[in-house]
Amino acid sequence: MYEKKIPIELNCGLDLIGEVLYGKWKIRLLYFINEGHKRPSELHRKIPQASLRVLNAQLKELETHELVSKVIYPQVPLKVEYSLTDIGKSLLPFISALGQWADDNQARLRAVIEKGYVAPGPVPEGDVYAPPR
């Protein structure tokens, strides 16, 4: 089993939420499960840019943190469905608020994010980050 190299620090609520929700796809997984997409294949179709392995790992972490529950139906082929637990459902207003904040600030956030992806050009003379000559 994987063991983290850096010890987990759970000193405050922000540490806890970071530990529980850290992962590129976890918030989207919670949202889509709430929207009714409960099977792993449905979730993968909603988030095609994520590999199935990564989605399964993040679903397992959400299950471990008791935000989702997993039901395995004994049939052939095997059927698996996820649903939100009560504590998982309690996160939805906060996820919605974060989404609304991002919608409200979309233009600025896109500009800042895209600026970070532009290949750096020449650094102006006298700039703080100019390399020494």
Protein backbone atom coordinates (compact mmCIF):
# COMPACT_ATOMS: atom_id res chain seq x y z
CA MET A 1 0.00 0.00 0.00
CA TYR A 2 1.16 3.53 -0.77
CA GLU A 3 2.56 5.44 2.17
CA LYS A 4 2.94 9.22 2.01
CA LYS A 5 6.49 10.51 2.35
CA ILE A 6 5.44 13.77 3.97
CA PRO A 7 3.51 13.37 7.22
CA ILE A 8 -0.08 14.56 7.15
CA GLU A 9 -0.72 17.65 9.24
CA LEU A 10 -4.32 18.11 10.32
CA ASN A 11 -3.99 21.23 12.43
CA CYS A 12 -6.98 23.14 11.10
CA GLY A 13 -10.03 22.88 8.89
CA LEU A 14 -8.09 23.95 5.80
CA ASP A 15 -5.66 21.06 6.31
CA LEU A 16 -8.60 18.68 6.61
CA ILE A 17 -10.41 19.94 3.51
CA GLY A 18 -7.15 19.88 1.55
CA GLU A 19 -6.53 16.27 2.54
CA VAL A 20 -10.08 15.20 1.69
CA LEU A 21 -10.57 17.15 -1.56
CA TYR A 22 -7.02 17.32 -2.91
CA GLY A 23 -7.07 15.77 -6.36
CA LYS A 24 -7.75 17.23 -9.77
CA TRP A 25 -11.04 15.42 -10.34
CA LYS A 26 -12.57 14.96 -6.87
CA ILE A 27 -14.83 18.02 -6.88
CA ARG A 28 -16.08 17.14 -10.36
CA LEU A 29 -16.67 13.53 -9.30
CA LEU A 30 -18.77 14.67 -6.34
CA TYR A 31 -20.73 17.03 -8.59
CA PHE A 32 -21.40 14.41 -11.29
CA ILE A 33 -22.35 11.71 -8.78
CA ASN A 34 -24.87 14.14 -7.33
CA GLU A 35 -26.17 14.82 -10.86
CA GLY A 36 -26.98 11.11 -11.23
CA HIS A 37 -23.89 9.75 -12.99
CA LYS A 38 -23.19 6.87 -10.65
CA ARG A 39 -21.30 4.25 -12.65
CA PRO A 40 -17.54 4.50 -13.28
CA SER A 41 -18.04 4.38 -17.06
CA GLU A 42 -20.56 7.26 -16.88
CA LEU A 43 -18.16 9.31 -14.78
CA HIS A 44 -15.35 8.61 -17.24
CA ARG A 45 -17.55 9.82 -20.11
CA LYS A 46 -18.19 13.05 -18.16
CA ILE A 47 -14.44 13.52 -17.53
CA PRO A 48 -12.78 11.96 -20.60
CA GLN A 49 -9.48 13.80 -20.12
CA ALA A 50 -8.85 11.81 -16.92
CA SER A 51 -7.61 8.25 -17.14
CA LEU A 52 -9.85 5.54 -15.74
CA ARG A 53 -7.07 4.54 -13.35
CA VAL A 54 -6.86 8.05 -11.87
CA LEU A 55 -10.65 8.34 -11.58
CA ASN A 56 -10.81 4.98 -9.81
CA ALA A 57 -8.04 6.03 -7.42
CA GLN A 58 -9.81 9.29 -6.59
CA LEU A 59 -13.16 7.51 -6.18
CA LYS A 60 -11.43 5.12 -3.76
CA GLU A 61 -10.06 8.08 -1.78
CA LEU A 62 -13.51 9.70 -1.67
CA GLU A 63 -14.89 6.39 -0.42
CA THR A 64 -12.12 6.11 2.19
CA HIS A 65 -12.96 9.63 3.39
CA GLU A 66 -16.65 8.60 3.52
CA LEU A 67 -17.82 11.23 1.03
CA VAL A 68 -19.16 8.57 -1.34
CA SER A 69 -20.39 5.03 -0.86
CA LYS A 70 -19.85 2.21 -3.31
CA VAL A 71 -22.34 -0.56 -4.05
CA ILE A 72 -21.25 -3.65 -5.97
CA TYR A 73 -24.10 -5.63 -7.50
CA PRO A 74 -23.43 -9.39 -7.75
CA GLN A 75 -24.17 -9.92 -11.42
CA VAL A 76 -22.28 -10.65 -14.61
CA PRO A 77 -20.86 -8.33 -15.76
CA LEU A 78 -20.18 -6.73 -12.41
CA LYS A 79 -22.13 -3.53 -11.77
CA VAL A 80 -20.71 -0.79 -9.52
CA GLU A 81 -22.49 2.41 -8.48
CA TYR A 82 -21.41 5.32 -6.34
CA SER A 83 -23.62 7.64 -4.33
CA LEU A 84 -22.98 10.56 -2.01
CA THR A 85 -23.06 9.98 1.71
CA ASP A 86 -24.70 12.52 4.01
CA ILE A 87 -21.34 14.19 4.65
CA GLY A 88 -20.66 14.19 0.90
CA LYS A 89 -24.04 15.87 0.30
CA SER A 90 -23.18 18.47 2.91
CA LEU A 91 -20.27 19.63 0.69
CA LEU A 92 -22.52 20.45 -2.27
CA PRO A 93 -23.42 24.02 -1.21
CA PHE A 94 -19.72 24.83 -0.89
CA ILE A 95 -18.90 23.26 -4.25
CA SER A 96 -21.73 25.29 -5.81
CA ALA A 97 -20.43 28.45 -4.15
CA LEU A 98 -16.91 27.80 -5.50
CA GLY A 99 -18.34 27.21 -8.96
CA GLN A 100 -20.33 30.45 -8.78
CA TRP A 101 -17.25 32.36 -7.61
CA ALA A 102 -15.29 30.98 -10.58
CA ASP A 103 -18.14 31.90 -12.96
CA ASP A 104 -18.25 35.43 -11.52
CA ASN A 105 -14.48 35.83 -11.95
CA GLN A 106 -14.11 33.78 -15.13
CA ALA A 107 -12.50 36.40 -17.37
CA ARG A 108 -9.87 37.38 -14.84
CA LEU A 109 -9.10 33.80 -13.83
CA ARG A 110 -8.77 32.67 -17.46
CA ALA A 111 -6.40 35.57 -18.22
CA VAL A 112 -4.20 34.82 -15.22
CA ILE A 113 -4.13 31.08 -15.89
CA GLU A 114 -3.44 31.48 -19.60
CA LYS A 115 -0.71 34.03 -18.88
CA GLY A 116 1.03 31.36 -16.82
CA TYR A 117 1.08 29.01 -19.81
CA VAL A 118 2.64 31.47 -22.26
CA ALA A 119 6.29 30.80 -23.04
CA PRO A 120 8.34 33.47 -21.33
CA GLY A 121 9.79 36.14 -23.58
CA PRO A 122 12.85 38.25 -22.96
CA VAL A 123 12.99 39.74 -19.50
CA PRO A 124 13.10 43.57 -19.50
CA GLU A 125 16.37 45.12 -18.33
CA GLY A 126 16.25 46.01 -14.65
CA ASP A 127 13.43 43.58 -13.92
CA VAL A 128 13.66 41.96 -10.49
CA TYR A 129 13.65 38.50 -12.09
CA ALA A 130 16.26 39.28 -14.76
CA PRO A 131 19.12 36.78 -14.60
CA PRO A 132 22.48 38.24 -13.58
CA ARG A 133 24.82 39.07 -16.49
